[in-house]
């Protein structure tokens, strides 16, 4: 077992946040007490301290818990850690921190899915943070529930964004084709693309939305192929829609079915990733 310490609170972040919010803000309370809350926390033996994952695990664990408590997608969490003083204080981030990269948040969850020792460490940190939760319902969530909720919400954001980008590109480059082939509801569903905060937060409603968007994407791609619309089929946004569809959906007869157990990235992680061998993968600038 290896004892770990949380990164120290930068002086400029402390001064700016305490000036803006006072000392009673809930996130400032977390920032002041996080080192005490994690006192004695030890990494499981299979996770040596010299891996970047091990060094950043407490930070990404806290970030994931805060993200879950606030119902933020990965991209929203990026913006929040770039712009919000209270989150920078809670996470002990520098005042000029540009925000997490969304892939690092996803990768941390993949590591927790792939390696029982990572999930064990994450679960212990989750348990130690329960006392800071303002919502009693959120405070009862375990590591698996947090990972599942964050993955589902961020996957929803990715799927809706990919479909919206694809239709926008087709409308720009092949407007006549789109006018002739668009389904009637596409204008209503995608013209004013939902902001991340408009994506439903209930799992059942998210999965219903994603199943519908998947059908729309399948129809768009199939119609492009059937009509031999080469000018549209090769657009980067259409290529990305194809990649997203392959990652997030799986064939079910003639239709696509939402991968309810996780996208292909997580499926690959569950097949086994040697997390202890990787020294890279997470930014060093936050250490």
C-alpha atoms as a PDB file:
ATOM      1  CA  UNK A   1       0.000   0.000   0.000  1.00  0.00           C
ATOM      2  CA  UNK A   2       1.227   3.508  -0.891  1.00  0.00           C
ATOM      3  CA  UNK A   3       0.138   6.633   0.984  1.00  0.00           C
ATOM      4  CA  UNK A   4      -1.000   9.500  -1.250  1.00  0.00           C
ATOM      5  CA  UNK A   5      -1.344  13.229  -0.661  1.00  0.00           C
ATOM      6  CA  UNK A   6      -3.722  15.607  -2.397  1.00  0.00           C
ATOM      7  CA  UNK A   7      -2.064  18.474  -4.334  1.00  0.00           C
ATOM      8  CA  UNK A   8      -1.657  21.626  -2.186  1.00  0.00           C
ATOM      9  CA  UNK A   9      -4.051  24.556  -2.626  1.00  0.00           C
ATOM     10  CA  UNK A  10      -2.379  27.290  -4.739  1.00  0.00           C
ATOM     11  CA  UNK A  11      -2.186  30.623  -2.915  1.00  0.00           C
ATOM     12  CA  UNK A  12      -3.598  32.647  -5.825  1.00  0.00           C
ATOM     13  CA  UNK A  13      -6.619  30.346  -6.127  1.00  0.00           C
ATOM     14  CA  UNK A  14      -7.239  30.533  -2.378  1.00  0.00           C
ATOM     15  CA  UNK A  15      -7.076  34.337  -2.305  1.00  0.00           C
ATOM     16  CA  UNK A  16      -9.317  34.836  -5.353  1.00  0.00           C
ATOM     17  CA  UNK A  17     -11.978  32.333  -4.287  1.00  0.00           C
ATOM     18  CA  UNK A  18     -12.137  33.448  -0.657  1.00  0.00           C
ATOM     19  CA  UNK A  19     -12.427  37.071  -1.790  1.00  0.00           C
ATOM     20  CA  UNK A  20     -15.256  36.188  -4.183  1.00  0.00           C
ATOM     21  CA  UNK A  21     -17.226  33.724  -2.046  1.00  0.00           C
ATOM     22  CA  UNK A  22     -16.162  34.065   1.578  1.00  0.00           C
ATOM     23  CA  UNK A  23     -15.293  30.909   3.490  1.00  0.00           C
ATOM     24  CA  UNK A  24     -18.774  29.379   3.851  1.00  0.00           C
ATOM     25  CA  UNK A  25     -19.223  28.253   0.255  1.00  0.00           C
ATOM     26  CA  UNK A  26     -19.679  24.421   0.115  1.00  0.00           C
ATOM     27  CA  UNK A  27     -16.908  23.933  -2.440  1.00  0.00           C
ATOM     28  CA  UNK A  28     -14.517  26.053  -0.411  1.00  0.00           C
ATOM     29  CA  UNK A  29     -15.269  23.855   2.589  1.00  0.00           C
ATOM     30  CA  UNK A  30     -14.266  20.841   0.478  1.00  0.00           C
ATOM     31  CA  UNK A  31     -11.082  22.574  -0.615  1.00  0.00           C
ATOM     32  CA  UNK A  32     -10.112  23.389   2.966  1.00  0.00           C
ATOM     33  CA  UNK A  33     -10.890  19.933   4.326  1.00  0.00           C
ATOM     34  CA  UNK A  34      -9.989  17.596   1.460  1.00  0.00           C
ATOM     35  CA  UNK A  35      -6.489  16.874   2.758  1.00  0.00           C
ATOM     36  CA  UNK A  36      -7.881  15.930   6.173  1.00  0.00           C
ATOM     37  CA  UNK A  37     -10.645  13.871   4.556  1.00  0.00           C
ATOM     38  CA  UNK A  38      -8.069  11.869   2.614  1.00  0.00           C
ATOM     39  CA  UNK A  39      -5.609  11.598   5.491  1.00  0.00           C
ATOM     40  CA  UNK A  40      -4.323   8.042   5.643  1.00  0.00           C
ATOM     41  CA  UNK A  41      -5.696   7.153   2.206  1.00  0.00           C
ATOM     42  CA  UNK A  42      -3.476   4.503   0.674  1.00  0.00           C
ATOM     43  CA  UNK A  43      -3.333   3.195  -2.851  1.00  0.00           C
ATOM     44  CA  UNK A  44      -3.803  -0.549  -3.270  1.00  0.00           C
ATOM     45  CA  UNK A  45      -0.502  -2.368  -3.754  1.00  0.00           C
ATOM     46  CA  UNK A  46      -0.912  -2.997  -7.529  1.00  0.00           C
ATOM     47  CA  UNK A  47      -0.827   0.780  -8.144  1.00  0.00           C
ATOM     48  CA  UNK A  48       2.744   2.040  -7.602  1.00  0.00           C
ATOM     49  CA  UNK A  49       3.170   5.746  -7.004  1.00  0.00           C
ATOM     50  CA  UNK A  50       5.321   6.347 -10.076  1.00  0.00           C
ATOM     51  CA  UNK A  51       2.417   5.934 -12.527  1.00  0.00           C
ATOM     52  CA  UNK A  52       0.648   9.086 -13.655  1.00  0.00           C
ATOM     53  CA  UNK A  53      -2.676   7.396 -12.902  1.00  0.00           C
ATOM     54  CA  UNK A  54      -1.660   6.808  -9.297  1.00  0.00           C
ATOM     55  CA  UNK A  55      -0.467  10.389  -8.877  1.00  0.00           C
ATOM     56  CA  UNK A  56      -3.696  11.869 -10.237  1.00  0.00           C
ATOM     57  CA  UNK A  57      -6.182   9.331  -8.848  1.00  0.00           C
ATOM     58  CA  UNK A  58      -7.268  11.392  -5.789  1.00  0.00           C
ATOM     59  CA  UNK A  59      -7.742  14.483  -7.957  1.00  0.00           C
ATOM     60  CA  UNK A  60      -9.758  12.727 -10.668  1.00  0.00           C
ATOM     61  CA  UNK A  61     -11.775  10.889  -8.034  1.00  0.00           C
ATOM     62  CA  UNK A  62     -12.816  14.165  -6.402  1.00  0.00           C
ATOM     63  CA  UNK A  63     -13.455  15.750  -9.809  1.00  0.00           C
ATOM     64  CA  UNK A  64     -15.699  12.835 -10.802  1.00  0.00           C
ATOM     65  CA  UNK A  65     -17.663  13.029  -7.554  1.00  0.00           C
ATOM     66  CA  UNK A  66     -18.209  16.793  -7.951  1.00  0.00           C
ATOM     67  CA  UNK A  67     -19.173  16.283 -11.593  1.00  0.00           C
ATOM     68  CA  UNK A  68     -21.737  13.679 -10.519  1.00  0.00           C
ATOM     69  CA  UNK A  69     -23.154  15.837  -7.748  1.00  0.00           C
ATOM     70  CA  UNK A  70     -23.693  18.693 -10.222  1.00  0.00           C
ATOM     71  CA  UNK A  71     -24.995  16.542 -13.132  1.00  0.00           C
ATOM     72  CA  UNK A  72     -22.318  17.860 -15.517  1.00  0.00           C
ATOM     73  CA  UNK A  73     -21.316  16.277 -18.804  1.00  0.00           C
ATOM     74  CA  UNK A  74     -17.604  15.906 -19.492  1.00  0.00           C
ATOM     75  CA  UNK A  75     -17.585  19.028 -21.672  1.00  0.00           C
ATOM     76  CA  UNK A  76     -19.482  20.980 -19.019  1.00  0.00           C
ATOM     77  CA  UNK A  77     -16.916  19.848 -16.453  1.00  0.00           C
ATOM     78  CA  UNK A  78     -14.159  21.108 -18.745  1.00  0.00           C
ATOM     79  CA  UNK A  79     -15.792  24.541 -18.816  1.00  0.00           C
ATOM     80  CA  UNK A  80     -16.465  24.499 -15.086  1.00  0.00           C
ATOM     81  CA  UNK A  81     -12.849  23.722 -14.175  1.00  0.00           C
ATOM     82  CA  UNK A  82     -11.698  26.421 -16.577  1.00  0.00           C
ATOM     83  CA  UNK A  83     -14.071  29.176 -15.441  1.00  0.00           C
ATOM     84  CA  UNK A  84     -15.327  28.506 -11.901  1.00  0.00           C
ATOM     85  CA  UNK A  85     -13.286  29.646  -8.934  1.00  0.00           C
ATOM     86  CA  UNK A  86     -15.208  27.460  -6.496  1.00  0.00           C
ATOM     87  CA  UNK A  87     -14.317  24.272  -8.376  1.00  0.00           C
ATOM     88  CA  UNK A  88     -10.689  25.319  -8.756  1.00  0.00           C
ATOM     89  CA  UNK A  89     -10.569  25.849  -5.001  1.00  0.00           C
ATOM     90  CA  UNK A  90     -12.211  22.501  -4.225  1.00  0.00           C
ATOM     91  CA  UNK A  91      -9.820  20.684  -6.575  1.00  0.00           C
ATOM     92  CA  UNK A  92      -6.733  22.739  -5.620  1.00  0.00           C
ATOM     93  CA  UNK A  93      -6.200  23.805  -9.234  1.00  0.00           C
ATOM     94  CA  UNK A  94      -4.101  26.806 -10.316  1.00  0.00           C
ATOM     95  CA  UNK A  95      -5.976  30.030 -10.983  1.00  0.00           C
ATOM     96  CA  UNK A  96      -5.001  29.916 -14.667  1.00  0.00           C
ATOM     97  CA  UNK A  97      -5.889  26.228 -15.092  1.00  0.00           C
ATOM     98  CA  UNK A  98      -7.395  25.851 -18.612  1.00  0.00           C
ATOM     99  CA  UNK A  99      -9.811  23.072 -17.648  1.00  0.00           C
ATOM    100  CA  UNK A 100      -9.548  19.300 -17.817  1.00  0.00           C
ATOM    101  CA  UNK A 101      -9.449  17.670 -21.207  1.00  0.00           C
ATOM    102  CA  UNK A 102     -12.707  15.704 -21.610  1.00  0.00           C
ATOM    103  CA  UNK A 103     -10.857  12.561 -22.665  1.00  0.00           C
ATOM    104  CA  UNK A 104      -9.014  12.451 -19.340  1.00  0.00           C
ATOM    105  CA  UNK A 105     -12.308  12.310 -17.432  1.00  0.00           C
ATOM    106  CA  UNK A 106     -13.463   9.471 -19.671  1.00  0.00           C
ATOM    107  CA  UNK A 107     -10.125   7.696 -19.378  1.00  0.00           C
ATOM    108  CA  UNK A 108     -10.241   7.776 -15.589  1.00  0.00           C
ATOM    109  CA  UNK A 109     -13.624   6.036 -15.672  1.00  0.00           C
ATOM    110  CA  UNK A 110     -12.272   3.470 -18.133  1.00  0.00           C
ATOM    111  CA  UNK A 111      -9.368   2.747 -15.796  1.00  0.00           C
ATOM    112  CA  UNK A 112     -11.785   2.243 -12.901  1.00  0.00           C
ATOM    113  CA  UNK A 113     -13.825  -0.177 -15.015  1.00  0.00           C
ATOM    114  CA  UNK A 114     -10.762  -2.073 -16.189  1.00  0.00           C
ATOM    115  CA  UNK A 115      -8.771  -2.370 -12.973  1.00  0.00           C
ATOM    116  CA  UNK A 116     -10.400  -3.522  -9.707  1.00  0.00           C
ATOM    117  CA  UNK A 117      -7.659  -1.821  -7.685  1.00  0.00           C
ATOM    118  CA  UNK A 118      -8.467   1.551  -9.279  1.00  0.00           C
ATOM    119  CA  UNK A 119     -12.168   1.085  -8.565  1.00  0.00           C
ATOM    120  CA  UNK A 120     -11.367   0.055  -4.990  1.00  0.00           C
ATOM    121  CA  UNK A 121      -9.365   3.247  -4.474  1.00  0.00           C
ATOM    122  CA  UNK A 122     -12.081   5.361  -6.114  1.00  0.00           C
ATOM    123  CA  UNK A 123     -14.727   3.756  -3.888  1.00  0.00           C
ATOM    124  CA  UNK A 124     -12.758   4.585  -0.746  1.00  0.00           C
ATOM    125  CA  UNK A 125     -12.489   8.225  -1.809  1.00  0.00           C
ATOM    126  CA  UNK A 126     -16.220   8.299  -2.626  1.00  0.00           C
ATOM    127  CA  UNK A 127     -16.932   7.020   0.895  1.00  0.00           C
ATOM    128  CA  UNK A 128     -14.715   9.689   2.447  1.00  0.00           C
ATOM    129  CA  UNK A 129     -16.464  12.474   0.494  1.00  0.00           C
ATOM    130  CA  UNK A 130     -20.055  11.578   1.412  1.00  0.00           C
ATOM    131  CA  UNK A 131     -20.133  14.054   4.293  1.00  0.00           C
ATOM    132  CA  UNK A 132     -19.685  16.962   1.859  1.00  0.00           C
ATOM    133  CA  UNK A 133     -22.718  16.142  -0.334  1.00  0.00           C
ATOM    134  CA  UNK A 134     -25.620  18.593  -0.160  1.00  0.00           C
ATOM    135  CA  UNK A 135     -28.095  16.148  -1.755  1.00  0.00           C
ATOM    136  CA  UNK A 136     -28.696  13.080   0.458  1.00  0.00           C
ATOM    137  CA  UNK A 137     -29.696  11.043  -2.589  1.00  0.00           C
ATOM    138  CA  UNK A 138     -26.434  11.814  -4.342  1.00  0.00           C
ATOM    139  CA  UNK A 139     -24.416  11.051  -1.214  1.00  0.00           C
ATOM    140  CA  UNK A 140     -25.563   7.419  -1.237  1.00  0.00           C
ATOM    141  CA  UNK A 141     -24.190   6.649  -4.718  1.00  0.00           C
ATOM    142  CA  UNK A 142     -21.300   4.214  -4.936  1.00  0.00           C
ATOM    143  CA  UNK A 143     -18.430   4.224  -7.439  1.00  0.00           C
ATOM    144  CA  UNK A 144     -20.282   2.089  -9.983  1.00  0.00           C
ATOM    145  CA  UNK A 145     -23.349   4.333  -9.906  1.00  0.00           C
ATOM    146  CA  UNK A 146     -21.220   7.451 -10.343  1.00  0.00           C
ATOM    147  CA  UNK A 147     -19.308   5.974 -13.285  1.00  0.00           C
ATOM    148  CA  UNK A 148     -22.515   4.759 -14.955  1.00  0.00           C
ATOM    149  CA  UNK A 149     -24.286   8.099 -14.561  1.00  0.00           C
ATOM    150  CA  UNK A 150     -21.349  10.168 -15.838  1.00  0.00           C
ATOM    151  CA  UNK A 151     -20.743   7.869 -18.803  1.00  0.00           C
ATOM    152  CA  UNK A 152     -24.396   7.860 -19.845  1.00  0.00           C
ATOM    153  CA  UNK A 153     -24.752  11.637 -19.651  1.00  0.00           C
ATOM    154  CA  UNK A 154     -21.539  12.348 -21.546  1.00  0.00           C
ATOM    155  CA  UNK A 155     -22.288   9.691 -24.162  1.00  0.00           C
ATOM    156  CA  UNK A 156     -25.655  11.380 -24.711  1.00  0.00           C
ATOM    157  CA  UNK A 157     -23.929  14.703 -25.280  1.00  0.00           C
ATOM    158  CA  UNK A 158     -21.540  13.096 -27.789  1.00  0.00           C
ATOM    159  CA  UNK A 159     -24.309  11.376 -29.759  1.00  0.00           C
ATOM    160  CA  UNK A 160     -26.563  14.433 -30.010  1.00  0.00           C
ATOM    161  CA  UNK A 161     -23.604  16.635 -30.966  1.00  0.00           C
ATOM    162  CA  UNK A 162     -22.439  14.231 -33.697  1.00  0.00           C
ATOM    163  CA  UNK A 163     -25.892  14.016 -35.276  1.00  0.00           C
ATOM    164  CA  UNK A 164     -26.375  17.783 -35.108  1.00  0.00           C
ATOM    165  CA  UNK A 165     -22.956  18.430 -36.662  1.00  0.00           C
ATOM    166  CA  UNK A 166     -23.668  15.948 -39.448  1.00  0.00           C
ATOM    167  CA  UNK A 167     -26.978  17.556 -40.378  1.00  0.00           C
ATOM    168  CA  UNK A 168     -25.467  21.035 -40.222  1.00  0.00           C
ATOM    169  CA  UNK A 169     -22.689  19.968 -42.598  1.00  0.00           C
ATOM    170  CA  UNK A 170     -25.146  18.383 -45.031  1.00  0.00           C
ATOM    171  CA  UNK A 171     -27.345  21.491 -44.910  1.00  0.00           C
ATOM    172  CA  UNK A 172     -24.324  23.634 -45.791  1.00  0.00           C
ATOM    173  CA  UNK A 173     -22.827  21.499 -48.570  1.00  0.00           C
ATOM    174  CA  UNK A 174     -25.847  19.606 -49.957  1.00  0.00           C
ATOM    175  CA  UNK A 175     -28.963  21.662 -49.143  1.00  0.00           C
ATOM    176  CA  UNK A 176     -31.061  20.297 -52.005  1.00  0.00           C
ATOM    177  CA  UNK A 177     -30.285  16.722 -51.040  1.00  0.00           C
ATOM    178  CA  UNK A 178     -31.281  17.397 -47.426  1.00  0.00           C
ATOM    179  CA  UNK A 179     -34.505  19.114 -48.494  1.00  0.00           C
ATOM    180  CA  UNK A 180     -35.475  16.019 -50.476  1.00  0.00           C
ATOM    181  CA  UNK A 181     -34.448  13.405 -47.902  1.00  0.00           C
ATOM    182  CA  UNK A 182     -34.822  14.862 -44.410  1.00  0.00           C
ATOM    183  CA  UNK A 183     -37.363  13.292 -42.085  1.00  0.00           C
ATOM    184  CA  UNK A 184     -40.081  15.731 -40.959  1.00  0.00           C
ATOM    185  CA  UNK A 185     -39.052  15.775 -37.296  1.00  0.00           C
ATOM    186  CA  UNK A 186     -35.356  16.495 -37.906  1.00  0.00           C
ATOM    187  CA  UNK A 187     -35.863  20.231 -38.120  1.00  0.00           C
ATOM    188  CA  UNK A 188     -37.639  20.286 -34.764  1.00  0.00           C
ATOM    189  CA  UNK A 189     -35.190  17.939 -33.049  1.00  0.00           C
ATOM    190  CA  UNK A 190     -31.892  19.304 -34.371  1.00  0.00           C
ATOM    191  CA  UNK A 191     -32.337  22.818 -35.776  1.00  0.00           C
ATOM    192  CA  UNK A 192     -31.918  24.350 -32.345  1.00  0.00           C
ATOM    193  CA  UNK A 193     -29.516  21.783 -30.985  1.00  0.00           C
ATOM    194  CA  UNK A 194     -30.083  20.982 -27.296  1.00  0.00           C
ATOM    195  CA  UNK A 195     -27.574  22.540 -24.953  1.00  0.00           C
ATOM    196  CA  UNK A 196     -25.920  20.088 -22.544  1.00  0.00           C
ATOM    197  CA  UNK A 197     -28.126  21.307 -19.707  1.00  0.00           C
ATOM    198  CA  UNK A 198     -31.225  20.441 -21.782  1.00  0.00           C
ATOM    199  CA  UNK A 199     -30.307  16.769 -22.078  1.00  0.00           C
ATOM    200  CA  UNK A 200     -32.503  14.837 -19.618  1.00  0.00           C
ATOM    201  CA  UNK A 201     -30.819  13.566 -16.473  1.00  0.00           C
ATOM    202  CA  UNK A 202     -33.017  10.521 -15.840  1.00  0.00           C
ATOM    203  CA  UNK A 203     -31.431   7.349 -17.237  1.00  0.00           C
ATOM    204  CA  UNK A 204     -34.641   6.107 -18.861  1.00  0.00           C
ATOM    205  CA  UNK A 205     -35.234   9.408 -20.664  1.00  0.00           C
ATOM    206  CA  UNK A 206     -31.605   9.623 -21.767  1.00  0.00           C
ATOM    207  CA  UNK A 207     -31.728   6.137 -23.265  1.00  0.00           C
ATOM    208  CA  UNK A 208     -35.017   6.925 -25.028  1.00  0.00           C
ATOM    209  CA  UNK A 209     -33.454  10.063 -26.528  1.00  0.00           C
ATOM    210  CA  UNK A 210     -30.368   8.158 -27.622  1.00  0.00           C
ATOM    211  CA  UNK A 211     -32.344   5.358 -29.226  1.00  0.00           C
ATOM    212  CA  UNK A 212     -34.240   7.965 -31.262  1.00  0.00           C
ATOM    213  CA  UNK A 213     -31.063   9.804 -32.261  1.00  0.00           C
ATOM    214  CA  UNK A 214     -29.485   6.484 -33.224  1.00  0.00           C
ATOM    215  CA  UNK A 215     -32.390   5.714 -35.546  1.00  0.00           C
ATOM    216  CA  UNK A 216     -32.046   9.160 -37.110  1.00  0.00           C
ATOM    217  CA  UNK A 217     -28.324   8.658 -37.636  1.00  0.00           C
ATOM    218  CA  UNK A 218     -28.858   5.225 -39.144  1.00  0.00           C
ATOM    219  CA  UNK A 219     -31.470   6.635 -41.521  1.00  0.00           C
ATOM    220  CA  UNK A 220     -29.212   9.515 -42.571  1.00  0.00           C
ATOM    221  CA  UNK A 221     -26.225   7.253 -43.260  1.00  0.00           C
ATOM    222  CA  UNK A 222     -28.309   4.646 -45.087  1.00  0.00           C
ATOM    223  CA  UNK A 223     -30.004   7.272 -47.251  1.00  0.00           C
ATOM    224  CA  UNK A 224     -26.679   8.859 -48.157  1.00  0.00           C
ATOM    225  CA  UNK A 225     -25.444   5.434 -49.244  1.00  0.00           C
ATOM    226  CA  UNK A 226     -28.631   4.503 -51.110  1.00  0.00           C
ATOM    227  CA  UNK A 227     -28.751   7.760 -53.071  1.00  0.00           C
ATOM    228  CA  UNK A 228     -25.019   7.625 -53.829  1.00  0.00           C
ATOM    229  CA  UNK A 229     -24.577  11.141 -52.427  1.00  0.00           C
ATOM    230  CA  UNK A 230     -20.786  11.137 -52.613  1.00  0.00           C
ATOM    231  CA  UNK A 231     -20.493  14.881 -52.056  1.00  0.00           C
ATOM    232  CA  UNK A 232     -22.075  14.458 -48.629  1.00  0.00           C
ATOM    233  CA  UNK A 233     -20.902  10.977 -47.669  1.00  0.00           C
ATOM    234  CA  UNK A 234     -17.269  12.034 -47.465  1.00  0.00           C
ATOM    235  CA  UNK A 235     -17.793  15.093 -45.272  1.00  0.00           C
ATOM    236  CA  UNK A 236     -15.744  14.908 -42.032  1.00  0.00           C
ATOM    237  CA  UNK A 237     -18.902  15.296 -39.953  1.00  0.00           C
ATOM    238  CA  UNK A 238     -20.498  12.309 -41.695  1.00  0.00           C
ATOM    239  CA  UNK A 239     -17.362  10.248 -41.130  1.00  0.00           C
ATOM    240  CA  UNK A 240     -17.482  11.171 -37.443  1.00  0.00           C
ATOM    241  CA  UNK A 241     -21.165  10.198 -37.282  1.00  0.00           C
ATOM    242  CA  UNK A 242     -20.219   6.775 -38.662  1.00  0.00           C
ATOM    243  CA  UNK A 243     -17.484   6.368 -36.052  1.00  0.00           C
ATOM    244  CA  UNK A 244     -19.766   7.506 -33.247  1.00  0.00           C
ATOM    245  CA  UNK A 245     -22.510   5.115 -34.388  1.00  0.00           C
ATOM    246  CA  UNK A 246     -20.087   2.186 -34.339  1.00  0.00           C
ATOM    247  CA  UNK A 247     -18.866   3.124 -30.845  1.00  0.00           C
ATOM    248  CA  UNK A 248     -22.201   3.803 -29.210  1.00  0.00           C
ATOM    249  CA  UNK A 249     -24.611   1.397 -30.942  1.00  0.00           C
ATOM    250  CA  UNK A 250     -24.647  -2.249 -31.963  1.00  0.00           C
ATOM    251  CA  UNK A 251     -26.666  -4.086 -34.651  1.00  0.00           C
ATOM    252  CA  UNK A 252     -29.980  -5.604 -33.597  1.00  0.00           C
ATOM    253  CA  UNK A 253     -31.597  -7.165 -36.640  1.00  0.00           C
ATOM    254  CA  UNK A 254     -32.215  -4.429 -39.192  1.00  0.00           C
ATOM    255  CA  UNK A 255     -31.908  -1.689 -36.566  1.00  0.00           C
ATOM    256  CA  UNK A 256     -29.331  -0.324 -34.165  1.00  0.00           C
ATOM    257  CA  UNK A 257     -29.492  -0.808 -30.435  1.00  0.00           C
ATOM    258  CA  UNK A 258     -27.948   1.521 -27.894  1.00  0.00           C
ATOM    259  CA  UNK A 259     -24.986  -0.076 -26.113  1.00  0.00           C
ATOM    260  CA  UNK A 260     -26.547   0.135 -22.660  1.00  0.00           C
ATOM    261  CA  UNK A 261     -23.535  -1.522 -20.991  1.00  0.00           C
ATOM    262  CA  UNK A 262     -21.080   1.080 -22.302  1.00  0.00           C
ATOM    263  CA  UNK A 263     -19.588   2.270 -25.562  1.00  0.00           C
ATOM    264  CA  UNK A 264     -16.913   0.323 -27.407  1.00  0.00           C
ATOM    265  CA  UNK A 265     -14.194   2.289 -25.583  1.00  0.00           C
ATOM    266  CA  UNK A 266     -15.388   0.946 -22.236  1.00  0.00           C
ATOM    267  CA  UNK A 267     -15.963  -2.499 -23.719  1.00  0.00           C
ATOM    268  CA  UNK A 268     -12.304  -2.522 -24.713  1.00  0.00           C
ATOM    269  CA  UNK A 269     -11.303  -1.411 -21.245  1.00  0.00           C
ATOM    270  CA  UNK A 270     -13.275  -4.236 -19.675  1.00  0.00           C
ATOM    271  CA  UNK A 271     -11.404  -6.750 -21.798  1.00  0.00           C
ATOM    272  CA  UNK A 272      -8.292  -5.802 -19.854  1.00  0.00           C
ATOM    273  CA  UNK A 273      -6.011  -2.782 -19.772  1.00  0.00           C
ATOM    274  CA  UNK A 274      -2.664  -2.863 -17.992  1.00  0.00           C
ATOM    275  CA  UNK A 275      -3.135   0.340 -16.014  1.00  0.00           C
ATOM    276  CA  UNK A 276      -0.035  -0.136 -13.890  1.00  0.00           C
ATOM    277  CA  UNK A 277       2.262  -0.151 -16.913  1.00  0.00           C
ATOM    278  CA  UNK A 278       1.218   3.252 -18.196  1.00  0.00           C
ATOM    279  CA  UNK A 279       3.058   6.270 -16.877  1.00  0.00           C
ATOM    280  CA  UNK A 280       1.340   8.732 -19.221  1.00  0.00           C
ATOM    281  CA  UNK A 281      -2.216   9.526 -20.130  1.00  0.00           C
ATOM    282  CA  UNK A 282      -3.041  12.263 -17.620  1.00  0.00           C
ATOM    283  CA  UNK A 283      -1.800  15.860 -17.673  1.00  0.00           C
ATOM    284  CA  UNK A 284       1.281  16.585 -15.573  1.00  0.00           C
ATOM    285  CA  UNK A 285       0.436  20.293 -15.282  1.00  0.00           C
ATOM    286  CA  UNK A 286      -2.038  19.663 -12.467  1.00  0.00           C
ATOM    287  CA  UNK A 287       0.365  17.785 -10.215  1.00  0.00           C
END
